[in-house]
Protein backbone atom coordinates (compact mmCIF):
# COMPACT_ATOMS: atom_id res chain seq x y z
CA MET A 1 -31.56 15.07 20.01
CA VAL A 2 -29.00 17.19 18.19
CA ASN A 3 -26.36 14.51 18.56
CA SER A 4 -28.74 11.91 17.16
CA ARG A 5 -29.46 14.05 14.13
CA GLN A 6 -25.76 14.66 13.56
CA THR A 7 -25.06 10.95 13.81
CA LEU A 8 -27.86 10.17 11.38
CA LEU A 9 -26.59 12.82 8.97
CA HIS A 10 -23.07 11.43 9.25
CA TYR A 11 -24.17 7.90 8.38
CA SER A 12 -26.33 9.22 5.52
CA ILE A 13 -23.54 11.25 3.91
CA THR A 14 -20.72 8.73 4.30
CA PRO A 15 -22.08 6.20 1.75
CA LEU A 16 -22.67 9.07 -0.69
CA LEU A 17 -19.09 10.28 -0.36
CA LEU A 18 -17.80 6.75 -0.81
CA ALA A 19 -19.93 6.36 -3.92
CA LEU A 20 -18.66 9.63 -5.37
CA ALA A 21 -15.06 8.66 -4.61
CA TRP A 22 -15.58 5.33 -6.36
CA ILE A 23 -17.04 7.07 -9.43
CA VAL A 24 -14.02 9.39 -9.66
CA PHE A 25 -11.64 6.46 -9.24
CA ALA A 26 -13.47 4.44 -11.88
CA GLN A 27 -13.32 7.33 -14.35
CA GLN A 28 -9.59 7.75 -13.80
CA LEU A 29 -9.05 4.01 -14.18
CA CYS A 30 -11.06 3.97 -17.39
CA ALA A 31 -9.06 6.90 -18.80
CA ALA A 32 -5.81 5.15 -17.93
CA GLU A 33 -6.91 1.96 -19.67
CA THR A 34 -8.13 3.76 -22.81
CA LYS A 35 -5.36 4.25 -25.34
CA ILE A 36 -4.70 7.91 -25.97
CA TRP A 37 -5.31 7.61 -29.72
CA GLU A 38 -8.74 6.12 -28.99
CA GLN A 39 -9.75 9.29 -27.15
CA PHE A 40 -9.40 11.51 -30.21
CA SER A 41 -12.74 12.61 -31.68
CA GLY A 42 -12.92 13.54 -35.34
CA GLU A 43 -16.39 14.92 -34.66
CA LYS A 44 -15.08 17.33 -32.02
CA ALA A 45 -12.28 18.42 -34.35
CA PHE A 46 -14.84 18.98 -37.11
CA VAL A 47 -16.88 21.26 -34.83
CA HIS A 48 -13.81 23.46 -34.36
CA VAL A 49 -13.33 23.66 -38.12
CA GLN A 50 -16.97 24.67 -38.54
CA ARG A 51 -16.56 27.45 -35.95
CA LEU A 52 -13.56 28.84 -37.82
CA VAL A 53 -15.29 28.62 -41.20
CA ASP A 54 -18.27 30.45 -39.72
CA LEU A 55 -15.97 33.43 -39.15
CA GLY A 56 -15.55 33.75 -42.91
CA PRO A 57 -12.22 34.70 -44.51
CA HIS A 58 -9.64 35.50 -41.82
CA PRO A 59 -6.35 36.49 -43.44
CA ALA A 60 -3.51 37.91 -41.38
CA GLY A 61 -4.18 41.38 -40.03
CA SER A 62 -7.97 41.17 -40.40
CA ASP A 63 -10.65 41.71 -37.77
CA ALA A 64 -11.86 38.16 -38.37
CA ILE A 65 -8.51 36.60 -37.50
CA GLU A 66 -8.66 38.30 -34.10
CA LYS A 67 -11.93 36.44 -33.53
CA ALA A 68 -10.19 33.22 -34.59
CA ARG A 69 -7.43 33.91 -32.07
CA ASP A 70 -9.95 34.47 -29.30
CA TYR A 71 -11.68 31.19 -30.12
CA ILE A 72 -8.43 29.21 -30.24
CA GLU A 73 -7.22 30.69 -26.96
CA GLU A 74 -10.52 29.96 -25.23
CA GLN A 75 -10.45 26.32 -26.30
CA LEU A 76 -6.82 25.85 -25.28
CA ARG A 77 -7.30 27.35 -21.82
CA HIS A 78 -10.35 25.17 -21.30
CA SER A 79 -8.12 22.14 -21.96
CA GLY A 80 -5.49 23.27 -19.44
CA TRP A 81 -2.99 25.05 -21.69
CA GLN A 82 -1.33 28.37 -20.99
CA VAL A 83 -1.34 30.56 -24.11
CA THR A 84 1.16 33.26 -25.06
CA ARG A 85 0.73 35.66 -27.96
CA GLN A 86 3.89 36.14 -30.00
CA ALA A 87 3.08 39.37 -31.84
CA PHE A 88 5.22 41.05 -34.49
CA THR A 89 4.95 43.26 -37.56
CA ASP A 90 6.55 42.42 -40.89
CA ASP A 91 6.84 43.92 -44.35
CA THR A 92 4.66 42.28 -47.01
CA PRO A 93 3.77 43.07 -50.63
CA ARG A 94 0.70 44.81 -49.15
CA GLY A 95 2.72 46.89 -46.71
CA LYS A 96 3.31 46.29 -43.02
CA VAL A 97 1.04 43.64 -41.47
CA HIS A 98 0.54 42.69 -37.83
CA PHE A 99 0.92 38.95 -37.14
CA VAL A 100 0.33 36.90 -33.98
CA ASN A 101 1.55 33.36 -33.33
CA LEU A 102 -0.21 31.53 -30.51
CA ILE A 103 2.09 29.41 -28.34
CA ALA A 104 0.58 26.99 -25.83
CA ARG A 105 2.28 25.09 -23.03
CA PHE A 106 0.57 22.79 -20.55
CA SER A 107 -0.06 24.37 -17.16
CA ALA A 108 -2.22 22.11 -14.99
CA ASP A 109 -0.39 23.34 -11.87
CA GLY A 110 -0.29 26.96 -13.00
CA ASN A 111 3.27 26.75 -14.26
CA ALA A 112 4.06 26.20 -17.93
CA ALA A 113 6.16 23.13 -18.60
CA SER A 114 9.47 22.93 -20.44
CA SER A 115 8.47 21.01 -23.56
CA SER A 116 10.57 19.05 -26.04
CA PHE A 117 8.23 18.25 -28.95
CA LEU A 118 6.45 20.70 -31.23
CA LEU A 119 2.98 20.34 -32.78
CA SER A 120 1.89 23.11 -35.13
CA SER A 121 -0.59 24.40 -37.69
CA HIS A 122 -1.32 27.69 -39.41
CA TYR A 123 -4.65 29.34 -38.70
CA ASP A 124 -4.76 32.20 -41.21
CA THR A 125 -6.55 32.03 -44.55
CA LYS A 126 -5.07 33.30 -47.78
CA PHE A 127 -6.00 36.85 -48.79
CA PHE A 128 -7.99 37.12 -52.01
CA GLU A 129 -9.69 40.19 -53.42
CA ALA A 130 -11.74 38.38 -56.06
CA ILE A 131 -13.10 35.38 -54.14
CA ARG A 132 -14.45 34.53 -50.68
CA PHE A 133 -11.88 32.09 -49.34
CA VAL A 134 -12.78 30.49 -45.98
CA GLY A 135 -10.04 27.80 -45.98
CA ALA A 136 -12.03 24.92 -44.51
CA ASN A 137 -9.21 22.52 -45.34
CA ASP A 138 -6.35 24.96 -45.85
CA GLY A 139 -5.95 26.39 -42.36
CA GLY A 140 -9.22 25.21 -40.83
CA SER A 141 -8.78 21.43 -40.76
CA SER A 142 -5.33 21.44 -39.16
CA THR A 143 -6.35 24.06 -36.59
CA GLY A 144 -9.42 22.05 -35.62
CA LEU A 145 -7.28 18.93 -35.37
CA LEU A 146 -4.68 20.66 -33.19
CA LEU A 147 -7.38 21.92 -30.81
CA GLU A 148 -8.73 18.39 -30.41
CA LEU A 149 -5.20 17.08 -29.88
CA ALA A 150 -4.84 19.70 -27.16
CA ARG A 151 -7.98 18.40 -25.43
CA VAL A 152 -6.88 14.77 -25.56
CA ILE A 153 -3.25 15.37 -24.64
CA GLY A 154 -4.32 17.70 -21.84
CA GLN A 155 -5.92 14.72 -20.10
CA ARG A 156 -2.47 13.12 -19.88
CA PRO A 157 -0.31 15.66 -18.00
CA ASN A 158 2.82 13.51 -18.29
CA VAL A 159 2.48 13.65 -22.08
CA ALA A 160 1.26 17.24 -22.27
CA ARG A 161 4.27 18.58 -20.38
CA LYS A 162 6.53 17.33 -23.17
CA ILE A 163 4.64 19.16 -25.92
CA GLU A 164 4.38 22.73 -27.14
CA LEU A 165 1.59 23.77 -29.49
CA VAL A 166 2.06 26.59 -31.98
CA PHE A 167 -0.60 28.13 -34.19
CA PHE A 168 1.24 30.07 -36.89
CA ASP A 169 -0.10 33.28 -38.37
CA GLY A 170 0.79 34.40 -41.88
CA GLU A 171 1.60 31.08 -43.53
CA GLU A 172 0.02 32.22 -46.76
CA ALA A 173 1.99 34.32 -49.25
CA TYR A 174 0.44 37.51 -50.59
CA GLU A 175 2.01 37.03 -54.02
CA ASN A 176 4.51 34.18 -54.30
CA PHE A 177 6.44 32.25 -51.66
CA SER A 178 9.92 33.65 -51.22
CA GLU A 179 12.37 34.50 -48.46
CA THR A 180 10.28 37.60 -47.73
CA ASP A 181 6.73 36.51 -48.63
CA GLY A 182 4.82 33.71 -46.91
CA LEU A 183 5.66 31.63 -43.82
CA TYR A 184 5.75 34.86 -41.81
CA GLY A 185 4.80 33.25 -38.50
CA SER A 186 7.04 30.21 -38.70
CA ARG A 187 10.00 32.27 -39.93
CA TYR A 188 9.63 34.64 -36.99
CA PHE A 189 9.10 31.81 -34.50
CA ALA A 190 12.24 30.01 -35.72
CA LYS A 191 14.26 33.23 -35.65
CA GLN A 192 13.25 33.89 -32.04
CA LEU A 193 14.08 30.33 -31.01
CA GLN A 194 17.49 30.61 -32.59
CA ALA A 195 18.12 33.99 -30.98
CA ASP A 196 17.08 32.83 -27.51
CA GLY A 197 19.23 29.72 -27.68
CA ALA A 198 17.51 28.44 -24.56
CA LYS A 199 15.10 25.91 -26.00
CA GLN A 200 15.69 23.14 -28.46
CA PHE A 201 12.93 20.80 -29.53
CA ARG A 202 13.79 17.21 -30.30
CA ALA A 203 11.40 17.15 -33.25
CA GLY A 204 8.07 18.43 -34.50
CA ILE A 205 5.00 17.83 -36.62
CA LEU A 206 3.30 20.40 -38.81
CA PHE A 207 -0.30 19.65 -39.82
CA ASP A 208 -1.77 21.21 -42.96
CA MET A 209 -4.73 20.35 -45.19
CA ILE A 210 -5.62 17.05 -43.50
CA GLY A 211 -9.42 17.14 -43.72
CA ASP A 212 -10.08 16.17 -47.35
CA ARG A 213 -12.96 13.68 -47.62
CA SER A 214 -10.79 11.66 -50.01
CA LEU A 215 -7.86 11.63 -47.63
CA GLY A 216 -4.42 10.78 -48.93
CA ILE A 217 -1.60 12.10 -46.75
CA THR A 218 1.43 12.89 -48.90
CA LEU A 219 4.61 13.35 -46.88
CA PRO A 220 6.98 15.70 -48.75
CA ALA A 221 10.12 14.19 -50.24
CA ASP A 222 12.30 16.20 -47.83
CA SER A 223 10.63 14.72 -44.73
CA PRO A 224 13.03 13.70 -41.93
CA ALA A 225 13.53 10.00 -42.65
CA ALA A 226 13.26 8.74 -39.07
CA ILE A 227 10.01 10.61 -38.38
CA ALA A 228 8.50 9.53 -41.71
CA ARG A 229 9.37 5.91 -40.93
CA ASP A 230 7.67 6.13 -37.55
CA ILE A 231 4.58 7.87 -38.97
CA PHE A 232 4.22 5.04 -41.47
CA ALA A 233 4.71 2.53 -38.63
CA ALA A 234 2.01 4.22 -36.55
CA ALA A 235 -0.39 4.17 -39.49
CA GLU A 236 0.41 0.50 -40.08
CA ALA A 237 -0.25 -0.35 -36.44
CA LEU A 238 -3.71 1.22 -36.68
CA LYS A 239 -4.39 -0.42 -40.07
CA LEU A 240 -4.46 3.01 -41.73
CA ARG A 241 -1.28 2.71 -43.80
CA ASN A 242 -3.16 3.05 -47.10
CA TYR A 243 -3.92 6.69 -46.27
CA PHE A 244 -0.21 7.62 -46.10
CA SER A 245 2.36 7.89 -48.88
CA TYR A 246 5.23 10.05 -50.12
CA LEU A 247 4.91 13.08 -52.36
CA ASP A 248 7.33 13.12 -55.28
CA ARG A 249 8.68 16.57 -54.41
CA ASP A 250 9.44 18.99 -51.58
CA LEU A 251 6.83 21.47 -50.35
CA ILE A 252 7.15 25.04 -49.15
CA ASP A 253 5.36 25.09 -45.80
CA ASP A 254 5.81 26.08 -42.17
CA HIS A 255 8.05 23.09 -41.44
CA MET A 256 10.88 24.57 -43.50
CA PRO A 257 12.04 27.33 -41.09
CA LEU A 258 12.03 24.78 -38.25
CA ASN A 259 14.12 22.28 -40.17
CA ALA A 260 16.46 25.10 -41.15
CA ILE A 261 17.38 25.76 -37.50
CA GLY A 262 17.89 22.08 -36.71
CA ILE A 263 14.47 20.95 -35.46
CA PRO A 264 13.52 17.85 -37.49
CA THR A 265 9.91 18.59 -38.46
CA ILE A 266 7.61 16.64 -40.73
CA ASP A 267 4.76 18.13 -42.75
CA ILE A 268 1.67 15.91 -42.51
CA ILE A 269 -0.32 17.19 -45.47
CA ASP A 270 -2.69 15.99 -48.19
CA PHE A 271 -1.59 18.11 -51.13
CA ASP A 272 -3.79 16.29 -53.64
CA TYR A 273 -6.71 18.65 -53.05
CA PRO A 274 -8.58 20.01 -56.10
CA TRP A 275 -10.08 22.98 -54.20
CA TRP A 276 -6.79 24.37 -52.90
CA HIS A 277 -6.87 28.19 -52.94
CA THR A 278 -10.34 28.34 -54.48
CA ALA A 279 -13.69 29.56 -53.20
CA SER A 280 -14.77 25.91 -53.08
CA ASP A 281 -12.51 25.08 -50.12
CA THR A 282 -15.61 24.85 -47.95
CA ILE A 283 -16.80 22.74 -45.03
CA ASP A 284 -18.53 20.18 -47.25
CA LYS A 285 -15.15 19.16 -48.69
CA ILE A 286 -13.82 17.83 -45.39
CA SER A 287 -14.94 15.05 -43.08
CA ALA A 288 -14.71 14.08 -39.42
CA GLN A 289 -13.42 10.67 -40.52
CA SER A 290 -10.36 12.19 -42.21
CA LEU A 291 -9.64 14.24 -39.09
CA GLN A 292 -10.05 11.07 -37.02
CA ILE A 293 -7.53 9.17 -39.13
CA THR A 294 -4.88 11.87 -38.93
CA GLY A 295 -5.40 12.55 -35.23
CA SER A 296 -5.30 8.88 -34.26
CA VAL A 297 -2.08 8.22 -36.15
CA ALA A 298 -0.45 11.34 -34.70
CA LEU A 299 -1.33 10.30 -31.14
CA TYR A 300 -0.14 6.74 -31.66
CA TYR A 301 3.13 8.08 -33.03
CA LEU A 302 3.59 10.46 -30.10
CA SER A 303 2.71 8.04 -27.31
CA GLU A 304 4.24 4.83 -28.64
CA LEU A 305 7.25 6.10 -30.58
CA ALA A 306 8.31 9.74 -30.28
CA LEU A 307 7.73 10.21 -26.53
CA LYS A 308 8.06 6.62 -25.36
CA HIS A 309 11.31 7.24 -23.53
């Protein structure tokens, strides 16, 4: 009687296991057939921006930016990335301030990969005494986008292993951008890379202010020519070329310290933003569609051009 029950149980479970195996196989096949840029969700990126905005102003050294760090780290680990805090203290016009860059490498097997391409954003908001500045676009949009890129890229381990994500602290200047004010996180990151001498990235992308409802990406005049050409080509391939153009001047941003140490890095930014550094840089000024456009073009560029070989 026992043997009969065991036999019956065996024949009952076997079809179920086969069905489950087929479902898993079908899901993997579907993911493989879906182009990576089609997996990006502007809506998911927008949710991340909303979460950061809900924290209120989070300038470097504040209690709120620690909450932002915790949120970013949680999302990255959920997507399979190993996160390291690069902490340092620097002199500022407001005295010594504690900064923390977040560096993420893919670690599906528990070991961080040796990456060759850099994707970055700053996650701090500018310090103001007179206004409540939440930085929905300036700091929020690019951070939300980078978190969604982490989710999508994390589903493609062969791609993820080639990429390092960096969330810079202290991009904003306290007074005016100079060699000692502003770009604190990227300057420190570049200095450490140069000092270590062990890692050299082939190239990189910095994202900044890419959520404007009236999106118009303006690549700075000093953009690395080869990367700019390929970004335009990626946008053209997705029929989104009209959202991308050149700015008529250079920009001071976190790409500069990276370019200075020999890592060709482009700043994907929409600098035509009326609410820049005002209290009106709020969540209603950005859209999921703008995040979708930027994320899709970035993923097309990475998969079809930058990391093709």
